[in-house]
Amino acid sequence: MTPASICSWPLLFGSGAAGARGLLTTVASSMITVAGVVFSITLVALSLTSSQYTSRVIRNFMRDRVNQWVLGVFLGRAQHRVPA
């Protein structure tokens, strides 16, 4: 392919940098929303579990390094996609 033929192709989203920024913002905000919903549902399930068993279930879940790491990586990647 020659550079001239590449320039003659239409833009993927038809709006250039502004469209790409809008797409990235939408993707990042949807990832943060999904993380919030998943985390909320998990905490509701844990609170129902702790009412039947023991309150240490929530403490053990929140102290677990793997759970902290997964949530931090997910939210960090979503935050990284938000344009300045």
N, C-alpha and C. Protein backbone atom coordinates (compact mmCIF):
# COMPACT_ATOMS: atom_id res chain seq x y z
N MET A 1 0.83 -1.18 0.00
CA MET A 1 0.00 0.00 0.00
C MET A 1 0.88 1.24 0.00
N THR A 2 0.44 2.18 -0.72
CA THR A 2 1.16 3.45 -0.74
C THR A 2 0.54 4.41 0.26
N PRO A 3 1.32 5.39 0.72
CA PRO A 3 0.75 6.37 1.67
C PRO A 3 -0.45 7.12 1.11
N ALA A 4 -0.48 7.33 -0.21
CA ALA A 4 -1.62 8.03 -0.79
C ALA A 4 -2.90 7.22 -0.68
N SER A 5 -2.79 5.89 -0.84
CA SER A 5 -3.99 5.06 -0.74
C SER A 5 -4.48 4.96 0.70
N ILE A 6 -3.55 5.01 1.66
CA ILE A 6 -3.96 4.98 3.06
C ILE A 6 -4.69 6.26 3.43
N CYS A 7 -4.22 7.39 2.94
CA CYS A 7 -4.87 8.67 3.24
C CYS A 7 -6.24 8.79 2.59
N SER A 8 -6.47 8.03 1.53
CA SER A 8 -7.77 8.13 0.86
C SER A 8 -8.83 7.29 1.55
N TRP A 9 -8.46 6.42 2.48
CA TRP A 9 -9.44 5.63 3.23
C TRP A 9 -10.22 6.54 4.16
N PRO A 10 -11.48 6.26 4.38
CA PRO A 10 -12.24 7.09 5.33
C PRO A 10 -11.77 6.79 6.76
N LEU A 11 -11.95 7.75 7.62
CA LEU A 11 -11.60 7.55 9.02
C LEU A 11 -12.50 6.48 9.62
N LEU A 12 -11.97 5.75 10.60
CA LEU A 12 -12.70 4.63 11.18
C LEU A 12 -14.02 5.08 11.81
N PHE A 13 -13.97 6.17 12.57
CA PHE A 13 -15.18 6.66 13.22
C PHE A 13 -15.69 7.95 12.59
N GLY A 14 -15.02 8.45 11.61
CA GLY A 14 -15.48 9.62 10.89
C GLY A 14 -15.28 10.94 11.59
N SER A 15 -14.58 10.97 12.73
CA SER A 15 -14.44 12.24 13.42
C SER A 15 -13.03 12.49 13.95
N GLY A 16 -12.09 11.68 13.63
CA GLY A 16 -10.69 11.94 13.99
C GLY A 16 -10.40 11.79 15.47
N ALA A 17 -9.58 12.72 15.97
CA ALA A 17 -9.11 12.64 17.35
C ALA A 17 -10.25 12.84 18.35
N ALA A 18 -11.18 13.70 18.03
CA ALA A 18 -12.30 13.94 18.96
C ALA A 18 -13.17 12.69 19.11
N GLY A 19 -13.37 11.99 18.03
CA GLY A 19 -14.15 10.75 18.09
C GLY A 19 -13.43 9.67 18.87
N ALA A 20 -12.11 9.58 18.67
CA ALA A 20 -11.32 8.59 19.42
C ALA A 20 -11.33 8.90 20.91
N ARG A 21 -11.22 10.18 21.25
CA ARG A 21 -11.27 10.58 22.66
C ARG A 21 -12.63 10.25 23.27
N GLY A 22 -13.68 10.51 22.54
CA GLY A 22 -15.01 10.17 23.03
C GLY A 22 -15.21 8.68 23.22
N LEU A 23 -14.66 7.90 22.28
CA LEU A 23 -14.75 6.44 22.40
C LEU A 23 -13.99 5.95 23.62
N LEU A 24 -12.78 6.44 23.83
CA LEU A 24 -11.99 6.03 24.98
C LEU A 24 -12.65 6.44 26.29
N THR A 25 -13.24 7.61 26.33
CA THR A 25 -13.94 8.05 27.53
C THR A 25 -15.13 7.15 27.82
N THR A 26 -15.86 6.77 26.79
CA THR A 26 -17.01 5.88 26.96
C THR A 26 -16.58 4.51 27.45
N VAL A 27 -15.50 3.98 26.88
CA VAL A 27 -15.01 2.67 27.30
C VAL A 27 -14.54 2.72 28.75
N ALA A 28 -13.81 3.75 29.12
CA ALA A 28 -13.29 3.86 30.49
C ALA A 28 -14.43 4.02 31.49
N SER A 29 -15.40 4.84 31.18
CA SER A 29 -16.50 5.04 32.13
C SER A 29 -17.35 3.78 32.25
N SER A 30 -17.51 3.04 31.17
CA SER A 30 -18.27 1.80 31.27
C SER A 30 -17.51 0.75 32.07
N MET A 31 -16.19 0.72 31.97
CA MET A 31 -15.40 -0.21 32.78
C MET A 31 -15.51 0.12 34.26
N ILE A 32 -15.47 1.40 34.60
CA ILE A 32 -15.60 1.80 36.00
C ILE A 32 -17.01 1.46 36.51
N THR A 33 -18.02 1.64 35.69
CA THR A 33 -19.38 1.29 36.08
C THR A 33 -19.52 -0.20 36.32
N VAL A 34 -18.97 -1.01 35.43
CA VAL A 34 -19.03 -2.46 35.60
C VAL A 34 -18.30 -2.88 36.87
N ALA A 35 -17.14 -2.29 37.14
CA ALA A 35 -16.40 -2.63 38.36
C ALA A 35 -17.21 -2.26 39.60
N GLY A 36 -17.86 -1.13 39.57
CA GLY A 36 -18.68 -0.71 40.71
C GLY A 36 -19.86 -1.64 40.94
N VAL A 37 -20.53 -2.04 39.88
CA VAL A 37 -21.67 -2.94 40.01
C VAL A 37 -21.22 -4.31 40.52
N VAL A 38 -20.13 -4.83 39.96
CA VAL A 38 -19.63 -6.14 40.39
C VAL A 38 -19.20 -6.08 41.85
N PHE A 39 -18.51 -5.03 42.23
CA PHE A 39 -18.06 -4.91 43.61
C PHE A 39 -19.26 -4.77 44.56
N SER A 40 -20.27 -4.03 44.17
CA SER A 40 -21.47 -3.88 45.01
C SER A 40 -22.21 -5.21 45.17
N ILE A 41 -22.37 -5.93 44.08
CA ILE A 41 -23.04 -7.23 44.16
C ILE A 41 -22.25 -8.19 45.03
N THR A 42 -20.93 -8.15 44.92
CA THR A 42 -20.08 -9.01 45.74
C THR A 42 -20.25 -8.68 47.22
N LEU A 43 -20.26 -7.39 47.54
CA LEU A 43 -20.43 -7.02 48.95
C LEU A 43 -21.81 -7.37 49.49
N VAL A 44 -22.85 -7.29 48.66
CA VAL A 44 -24.18 -7.72 49.10
C VAL A 44 -24.18 -9.22 49.38
N ALA A 45 -23.56 -9.98 48.49
CA ALA A 45 -23.48 -11.43 48.72
C ALA A 45 -22.68 -11.74 49.97
N LEU A 46 -21.61 -10.99 50.20
CA LEU A 46 -20.82 -11.22 51.41
C LEU A 46 -21.58 -10.84 52.67
N SER A 47 -22.35 -9.76 52.62
CA SER A 47 -23.11 -9.38 53.81
C SER A 47 -24.20 -10.39 54.12
N LEU A 48 -24.83 -10.95 53.08
CA LEU A 48 -25.82 -12.01 53.32
C LEU A 48 -25.15 -13.26 53.89
N THR A 49 -23.96 -13.57 53.39
CA THR A 49 -23.22 -14.72 53.90
C THR A 49 -22.80 -14.50 55.35
N SER A 50 -22.36 -13.29 55.65
CA SER A 50 -21.90 -13.03 57.02
C SER A 50 -23.05 -13.02 58.02
N SER A 51 -24.25 -12.72 57.55
CA SER A 51 -25.38 -12.78 58.48
C SER A 51 -25.75 -14.22 58.82
N GLN A 52 -25.44 -15.15 57.92
CA GLN A 52 -25.74 -16.54 58.19
C GLN A 52 -24.60 -17.26 58.90
N TYR A 53 -23.36 -16.85 58.61
CA TYR A 53 -22.22 -17.55 59.20
C TYR A 53 -21.57 -16.68 60.27
N THR A 54 -20.56 -15.92 59.88
CA THR A 54 -19.86 -15.07 60.83
C THR A 54 -19.42 -13.80 60.13
N SER A 55 -19.23 -12.75 60.90
CA SER A 55 -18.85 -11.46 60.30
C SER A 55 -17.41 -11.46 59.81
N ARG A 56 -16.63 -12.48 60.14
CA ARG A 56 -15.25 -12.54 59.68
C ARG A 56 -15.14 -12.77 58.18
N VAL A 57 -16.22 -13.20 57.54
CA VAL A 57 -16.20 -13.44 56.09
C VAL A 57 -15.86 -12.15 55.36
N ILE A 58 -16.52 -11.04 55.73
CA ILE A 58 -16.26 -9.76 55.07
C ILE A 58 -14.85 -9.28 55.36
N ARG A 59 -14.41 -9.39 56.60
CA ARG A 59 -13.05 -8.97 56.95
C ARG A 59 -12.01 -9.76 56.18
N ASN A 60 -12.20 -11.07 56.08
CA ASN A 60 -11.24 -11.89 55.34
C ASN A 60 -11.25 -11.56 53.85
N PHE A 61 -12.42 -11.29 53.30
CA PHE A 61 -12.50 -10.93 51.89
C PHE A 61 -11.79 -9.60 51.62
N MET A 62 -12.02 -8.62 52.47
CA MET A 62 -11.43 -7.30 52.25
C MET A 62 -9.92 -7.29 52.53
N ARG A 63 -9.43 -8.17 53.36
CA ARG A 63 -7.99 -8.23 53.65
C ARG A 63 -7.22 -9.06 52.66
N ASP A 64 -7.92 -9.83 51.83
CA ASP A 64 -7.25 -10.70 50.87
C ASP A 64 -6.53 -9.87 49.81
N ARG A 65 -5.23 -10.08 49.68
CA ARG A 65 -4.42 -9.30 48.74
C ARG A 65 -4.81 -9.53 47.29
N VAL A 66 -5.23 -10.72 46.96
CA VAL A 66 -5.63 -11.01 45.57
C VAL A 66 -6.86 -10.18 45.19
N ASN A 67 -7.84 -10.10 46.08
CA ASN A 67 -9.03 -9.29 45.80
C ASN A 67 -8.66 -7.82 45.65
N GLN A 68 -7.79 -7.32 46.52
CA GLN A 68 -7.36 -5.92 46.44
C GLN A 68 -6.61 -5.67 45.14
N TRP A 69 -5.76 -6.60 44.75
CA TRP A 69 -4.96 -6.43 43.55
C TRP A 69 -5.84 -6.42 42.30
N VAL A 70 -6.79 -7.36 42.22
CA VAL A 70 -7.66 -7.44 41.04
C VAL A 70 -8.49 -6.17 40.89
N LEU A 71 -9.08 -5.69 41.97
CA LEU A 71 -9.87 -4.47 41.89
C LEU A 71 -8.99 -3.27 41.54
N GLY A 72 -7.81 -3.19 42.13
CA GLY A 72 -6.90 -2.08 41.83
C GLY A 72 -6.44 -2.07 40.38
N VAL A 73 -6.12 -3.23 39.85
CA VAL A 73 -5.68 -3.31 38.44
C VAL A 73 -6.82 -2.94 37.51
N PHE A 74 -8.00 -3.44 37.79
CA PHE A 74 -9.14 -3.14 36.92
C PHE A 74 -9.46 -1.66 36.91
N LEU A 75 -9.54 -1.06 38.09
CA LEU A 75 -9.84 0.37 38.16
C LEU A 75 -8.68 1.22 37.65
N GLY A 76 -7.46 0.78 37.88
CA GLY A 76 -6.29 1.51 37.37
C GLY A 76 -6.24 1.53 35.86
N ARG A 77 -6.55 0.41 35.24
CA ARG A 77 -6.56 0.36 33.78
C ARG A 77 -7.68 1.23 33.21
N ALA A 78 -8.82 1.23 33.89
CA ALA A 78 -9.93 2.08 33.43
C ALA A 78 -9.56 3.54 33.57
N GLN A 79 -8.92 3.90 34.66
CA GLN A 79 -8.51 5.30 34.87
C GLN A 79 -7.45 5.71 33.86
N HIS A 80 -6.59 4.79 33.48
CA HIS A 80 -5.53 5.10 32.52
C HIS A 80 -6.10 5.45 31.16
N ARG A 81 -7.29 4.90 30.85
CA ARG A 81 -7.90 5.16 29.53
C ARG A 81 -8.62 6.49 29.45
N VAL A 82 -8.84 7.16 30.58
CA VAL A 82 -9.55 8.44 30.56
C VAL A 82 -8.59 9.52 30.06
N PRO A 83 -8.92 10.16 28.96
CA PRO A 83 -8.03 11.21 28.46
C PRO A 83 -8.03 12.44 29.36
N ALA A 84 -6.93 13.15 29.33
CA ALA A 84 -6.79 14.33 30.20
C ALA A 84 -7.64 15.48 29.70
